[in-house]
N, C-alpha and C. Protein backbone atom coordinates (compact mmCIF):
# COMPACT_ATOMS: atom_id res chain seq x y z
N UNK A 1 -45.29 -1.87 -4.07
CA UNK A 1 -43.87 -2.13 -4.14
C UNK A 1 -43.64 -3.64 -4.18
N UNK A 2 -42.59 -3.98 -4.86
CA UNK A 2 -42.26 -5.39 -4.95
C UNK A 2 -41.61 -5.87 -3.65
N UNK A 3 -41.56 -7.16 -3.50
CA UNK A 3 -40.96 -7.74 -2.30
C UNK A 3 -39.48 -7.39 -2.21
N UNK A 4 -38.80 -7.37 -3.33
CA UNK A 4 -37.37 -7.04 -3.35
C UNK A 4 -37.15 -5.60 -2.88
N UNK A 5 -38.01 -4.69 -3.24
CA UNK A 5 -37.90 -3.30 -2.80
C UNK A 5 -38.07 -3.20 -1.29
N UNK A 6 -39.04 -3.94 -0.75
CA UNK A 6 -39.25 -3.96 0.70
C UNK A 6 -38.00 -4.49 1.43
N UNK A 7 -37.44 -5.55 0.90
CA UNK A 7 -36.24 -6.13 1.51
C UNK A 7 -35.08 -5.14 1.45
N UNK A 8 -34.93 -4.48 0.32
CA UNK A 8 -33.86 -3.50 0.15
C UNK A 8 -34.02 -2.33 1.12
N UNK A 9 -35.22 -1.80 1.24
CA UNK A 9 -35.48 -0.69 2.16
C UNK A 9 -35.23 -1.13 3.60
N UNK A 10 -35.69 -2.32 3.95
CA UNK A 10 -35.47 -2.85 5.30
C UNK A 10 -33.97 -2.99 5.59
N UNK A 11 -33.23 -3.54 4.64
CA UNK A 11 -31.79 -3.72 4.82
C UNK A 11 -31.07 -2.40 4.99
N UNK A 12 -31.42 -1.41 4.21
CA UNK A 12 -30.79 -0.08 4.32
C UNK A 12 -31.12 0.55 5.66
N UNK A 13 -32.37 0.43 6.11
CA UNK A 13 -32.73 1.03 7.40
C UNK A 13 -32.00 0.35 8.56
N UNK A 14 -31.84 -0.96 8.50
CA UNK A 14 -31.08 -1.68 9.54
C UNK A 14 -29.62 -1.23 9.52
N UNK A 15 -29.05 -1.10 8.33
CA UNK A 15 -27.66 -0.66 8.22
C UNK A 15 -27.48 0.73 8.82
N UNK A 16 -28.37 1.65 8.51
CA UNK A 16 -28.26 3.01 9.03
C UNK A 16 -28.43 3.05 10.54
N UNK A 17 -29.33 2.25 11.06
CA UNK A 17 -29.55 2.22 12.51
C UNK A 17 -28.34 1.66 13.25
N UNK A 18 -27.76 0.60 12.74
CA UNK A 18 -26.60 0.00 13.41
C UNK A 18 -25.33 0.81 13.19
N UNK A 19 -25.20 1.49 12.08
CA UNK A 19 -23.98 2.27 11.86
C UNK A 19 -23.90 3.43 12.83
N UNK A 20 -25.02 4.00 13.21
CA UNK A 20 -25.00 5.07 14.22
C UNK A 20 -24.67 4.51 15.59
N UNK A 21 -25.15 3.32 15.89
CA UNK A 21 -24.88 2.71 17.20
C UNK A 21 -23.40 2.37 17.35
N UNK A 22 -22.75 2.02 16.25
CA UNK A 22 -21.34 1.65 16.30
C UNK A 22 -20.43 2.72 15.72
N UNK A 23 -20.89 3.95 15.70
CA UNK A 23 -20.09 5.04 15.15
C UNK A 23 -18.84 5.25 15.99
N UNK A 24 -17.77 5.57 15.31
CA UNK A 24 -16.49 5.80 15.97
C UNK A 24 -16.45 7.23 16.48
N UNK A 25 -16.10 7.38 17.74
CA UNK A 25 -15.96 8.70 18.35
C UNK A 25 -14.51 9.15 18.15
N UNK A 26 -14.23 9.75 17.00
CA UNK A 26 -12.85 10.09 16.68
C UNK A 26 -12.29 11.18 17.58
N UNK A 27 -13.11 12.10 18.03
CA UNK A 27 -12.57 13.16 18.90
C UNK A 27 -12.13 12.59 20.24
N UNK A 28 -12.89 11.66 20.81
CA UNK A 28 -12.50 11.03 22.07
C UNK A 28 -11.26 10.16 21.87
N UNK A 29 -11.21 9.47 20.75
CA UNK A 29 -10.03 8.65 20.44
C UNK A 29 -8.79 9.54 20.29
N UNK A 30 -8.93 10.63 19.58
CA UNK A 30 -7.80 11.56 19.40
C UNK A 30 -7.34 12.12 20.73
N UNK A 31 -8.27 12.47 21.61
CA UNK A 31 -7.90 12.98 22.93
C UNK A 31 -7.17 11.92 23.75
N UNK A 32 -7.63 10.70 23.66
CA UNK A 32 -6.97 9.60 24.36
C UNK A 32 -5.54 9.44 23.84
N UNK A 33 -5.37 9.46 22.53
CA UNK A 33 -4.04 9.30 21.94
C UNK A 33 -3.13 10.47 22.31
N UNK A 34 -3.66 11.68 22.32
CA UNK A 34 -2.84 12.83 22.72
C UNK A 34 -2.37 12.69 24.16
N UNK A 35 -3.25 12.24 25.02
CA UNK A 35 -2.89 12.04 26.42
C UNK A 35 -1.81 10.97 26.55
N UNK A 36 -1.96 9.88 25.81
CA UNK A 36 -0.97 8.80 25.83
C UNK A 36 0.39 9.32 25.39
N UNK A 37 0.41 10.04 24.29
CA UNK A 37 1.68 10.52 23.75
C UNK A 37 2.30 11.59 24.63
N UNK A 38 1.48 12.35 25.30
CA UNK A 38 1.97 13.41 26.18
C UNK A 38 2.60 12.85 27.45
N UNK A 39 2.04 11.80 27.99
CA UNK A 39 2.47 11.30 29.30
C UNK A 39 3.39 10.08 29.23
N UNK A 40 3.57 9.53 28.05
CA UNK A 40 4.32 8.29 27.95
C UNK A 40 5.81 8.48 28.22
N UNK A 41 6.37 7.51 28.93
CA UNK A 41 7.80 7.52 29.25
C UNK A 41 8.49 6.25 28.77
N UNK A 42 7.74 5.40 28.09
CA UNK A 42 8.29 4.11 27.66
C UNK A 42 7.59 3.68 26.37
N UNK A 43 8.36 3.11 25.47
CA UNK A 43 7.78 2.63 24.22
C UNK A 43 6.78 1.51 24.47
N UNK A 44 7.10 0.63 25.41
CA UNK A 44 6.19 -0.47 25.73
C UNK A 44 4.88 0.05 26.32
N UNK A 45 4.97 1.00 27.24
CA UNK A 45 3.76 1.58 27.84
C UNK A 45 2.95 2.31 26.78
N UNK A 46 3.63 3.03 25.89
CA UNK A 46 2.94 3.75 24.82
C UNK A 46 2.15 2.77 23.96
N UNK A 47 2.77 1.68 23.58
CA UNK A 47 2.10 0.68 22.74
C UNK A 47 0.86 0.12 23.44
N UNK A 48 0.99 -0.23 24.70
CA UNK A 48 -0.15 -0.78 25.45
C UNK A 48 -1.28 0.25 25.57
N UNK A 49 -0.93 1.49 25.84
CA UNK A 49 -1.96 2.52 25.98
C UNK A 49 -2.61 2.85 24.64
N UNK A 50 -1.84 2.82 23.55
CA UNK A 50 -2.43 3.04 22.23
C UNK A 50 -3.44 1.94 21.91
N UNK A 51 -3.09 0.70 22.24
CA UNK A 51 -4.03 -0.41 22.03
C UNK A 51 -5.30 -0.21 22.83
N UNK A 52 -5.15 0.29 24.06
CA UNK A 52 -6.33 0.50 24.91
C UNK A 52 -7.19 1.64 24.38
N UNK A 53 -6.56 2.71 23.90
CA UNK A 53 -7.34 3.80 23.27
C UNK A 53 -8.13 3.26 22.09
N UNK A 54 -7.46 2.48 21.26
CA UNK A 54 -8.12 1.92 20.09
C UNK A 54 -9.29 1.03 20.51
N UNK A 55 -9.03 0.17 21.48
CA UNK A 55 -10.08 -0.75 21.92
C UNK A 55 -11.29 0.00 22.46
N UNK A 56 -11.06 0.99 23.31
CA UNK A 56 -12.17 1.70 23.95
C UNK A 56 -12.92 2.63 23.01
N UNK A 57 -12.20 3.30 22.13
CA UNK A 57 -12.85 4.35 21.33
C UNK A 57 -13.13 3.94 19.90
N UNK A 58 -12.54 2.86 19.42
CA UNK A 58 -12.84 2.40 18.07
C UNK A 58 -13.70 1.13 18.11
N UNK A 59 -13.51 0.31 19.14
CA UNK A 59 -14.27 -0.94 19.26
C UNK A 59 -15.14 -0.97 20.51
N UNK A 60 -15.30 0.15 21.17
CA UNK A 60 -16.00 0.22 22.45
C UNK A 60 -17.32 -0.53 22.53
N UNK A 61 -18.22 -0.34 21.57
CA UNK A 61 -19.52 -1.02 21.67
C UNK A 61 -19.42 -2.54 21.58
N UNK A 62 -18.31 -3.04 21.07
CA UNK A 62 -18.16 -4.49 20.91
C UNK A 62 -17.48 -5.15 22.10
N UNK A 63 -16.95 -4.35 23.03
CA UNK A 63 -16.20 -4.90 24.16
C UNK A 63 -17.13 -5.40 25.27
N UNK A 64 -16.70 -6.45 25.91
CA UNK A 64 -17.38 -6.92 27.12
C UNK A 64 -17.01 -5.99 28.28
N UNK A 65 -17.82 -5.93 29.32
CA UNK A 65 -17.50 -5.06 30.46
C UNK A 65 -16.12 -5.34 31.06
N UNK A 66 -15.73 -6.61 31.13
CA UNK A 66 -14.41 -6.92 31.70
C UNK A 66 -13.29 -6.42 30.79
N UNK A 67 -13.51 -6.41 29.47
CA UNK A 67 -12.51 -5.87 28.55
C UNK A 67 -12.42 -4.35 28.68
N UNK A 68 -13.56 -3.70 28.84
CA UNK A 68 -13.55 -2.26 29.06
C UNK A 68 -12.81 -1.92 30.35
N UNK A 69 -13.03 -2.71 31.39
CA UNK A 69 -12.35 -2.48 32.67
C UNK A 69 -10.85 -2.64 32.53
N UNK A 70 -10.41 -3.65 31.78
CA UNK A 70 -8.98 -3.87 31.56
C UNK A 70 -8.34 -2.66 30.87
N UNK A 71 -8.94 -2.22 29.78
CA UNK A 71 -8.37 -1.11 29.01
C UNK A 71 -8.41 0.20 29.80
N UNK A 72 -9.46 0.39 30.57
CA UNK A 72 -9.52 1.58 31.44
C UNK A 72 -8.42 1.53 32.49
N UNK A 73 -8.19 0.36 33.06
CA UNK A 73 -7.13 0.18 34.05
C UNK A 73 -5.77 0.50 33.44
N UNK A 74 -5.53 0.02 32.24
CA UNK A 74 -4.26 0.30 31.55
C UNK A 74 -4.08 1.80 31.37
N UNK A 75 -5.11 2.48 30.90
CA UNK A 75 -5.01 3.92 30.64
C UNK A 75 -4.86 4.73 31.92
N UNK A 76 -5.43 4.26 33.00
CA UNK A 76 -5.31 4.98 34.28
C UNK A 76 -3.99 4.71 34.97
N UNK A 77 -3.40 3.55 34.74
CA UNK A 77 -2.25 3.13 35.53
C UNK A 77 -0.89 3.29 34.85
N UNK A 78 -0.84 3.28 33.53
CA UNK A 78 0.45 3.29 32.85
C UNK A 78 1.08 4.65 32.56
N UNK A 79 0.34 5.75 32.49
CA UNK A 79 1.03 7.01 32.21
C UNK A 79 2.14 7.26 33.22
N UNK A 80 3.22 7.79 32.72
CA UNK A 80 4.40 8.18 33.50
C UNK A 80 5.27 7.00 33.93
N UNK A 81 4.83 5.77 33.71
CA UNK A 81 5.63 4.60 34.10
C UNK A 81 6.69 4.34 33.03
N UNK A 82 7.93 4.13 33.45
CA UNK A 82 8.96 3.84 32.46
C UNK A 82 9.73 2.55 32.72
N UNK A 83 9.66 2.02 33.91
CA UNK A 83 10.38 0.79 34.24
C UNK A 83 9.64 -0.43 33.69
N UNK A 84 10.32 -1.26 32.88
CA UNK A 84 9.67 -2.44 32.31
C UNK A 84 9.05 -3.37 33.36
N UNK A 85 9.70 -3.53 34.49
CA UNK A 85 9.15 -4.43 35.52
C UNK A 85 7.84 -3.87 36.08
N UNK A 86 7.75 -2.57 36.22
CA UNK A 86 6.50 -1.95 36.70
C UNK A 86 5.39 -2.11 35.66
N UNK A 87 5.74 -1.98 34.39
CA UNK A 87 4.75 -2.15 33.31
C UNK A 87 4.19 -3.57 33.35
N UNK A 88 5.06 -4.54 33.50
CA UNK A 88 4.62 -5.95 33.56
C UNK A 88 3.69 -6.17 34.74
N UNK A 89 4.02 -5.63 35.89
CA UNK A 89 3.18 -5.80 37.08
C UNK A 89 1.83 -5.12 36.91
N UNK A 90 1.82 -3.92 36.33
CA UNK A 90 0.56 -3.21 36.11
C UNK A 90 -0.34 -3.99 35.15
N UNK A 91 0.23 -4.47 34.06
CA UNK A 91 -0.56 -5.26 33.10
C UNK A 91 -1.11 -6.51 33.77
N UNK A 92 -0.32 -7.14 34.60
CA UNK A 92 -0.77 -8.33 35.31
C UNK A 92 -1.94 -8.01 36.25
N UNK A 93 -1.82 -6.93 36.99
CA UNK A 93 -2.89 -6.53 37.91
C UNK A 93 -4.16 -6.17 37.14
N UNK A 94 -4.01 -5.42 36.05
CA UNK A 94 -5.19 -5.06 35.23
C UNK A 94 -5.84 -6.32 34.66
N UNK A 95 -5.04 -7.29 34.27
CA UNK A 95 -5.58 -8.54 33.74
C UNK A 95 -6.34 -9.31 34.81
N UNK A 96 -5.81 -9.34 36.01
CA UNK A 96 -6.50 -10.04 37.10
C UNK A 96 -7.82 -9.34 37.44
N UNK A 97 -7.83 -8.03 37.45
CA UNK A 97 -9.07 -7.30 37.73
C UNK A 97 -10.10 -7.57 36.66
N UNK A 98 -9.64 -7.77 35.45
CA UNK A 98 -10.52 -8.03 34.32
C UNK A 98 -11.28 -9.33 34.52
N UNK A 99 -10.68 -10.29 35.22
CA UNK A 99 -11.32 -11.59 35.41
C UNK A 99 -12.41 -11.57 36.46
N UNK A 100 -12.47 -10.51 37.26
CA UNK A 100 -13.46 -10.44 38.34
C UNK A 100 -14.86 -10.29 37.79
């Protein structure tokens, strides 16, 4: 085989190996979104939780542990909240925990 063929085969194998590692878990993402939409009481909270679902289930492998903790905190703490002041406080607390 020529050198170019070896390089091409190597490149394809690397692509296939990494694409499986970064595969999107659409069923988990869909479940997260359904939960968000089912429990949401505020447009602002819905938006924040949708961002967290996207971050965790579409970009999960790329997140740092502190980013994962922040988005998990948002998803655990915001359902059922409708008061804007409570949303702001929850986001602030989740952000502070993220820095730990």
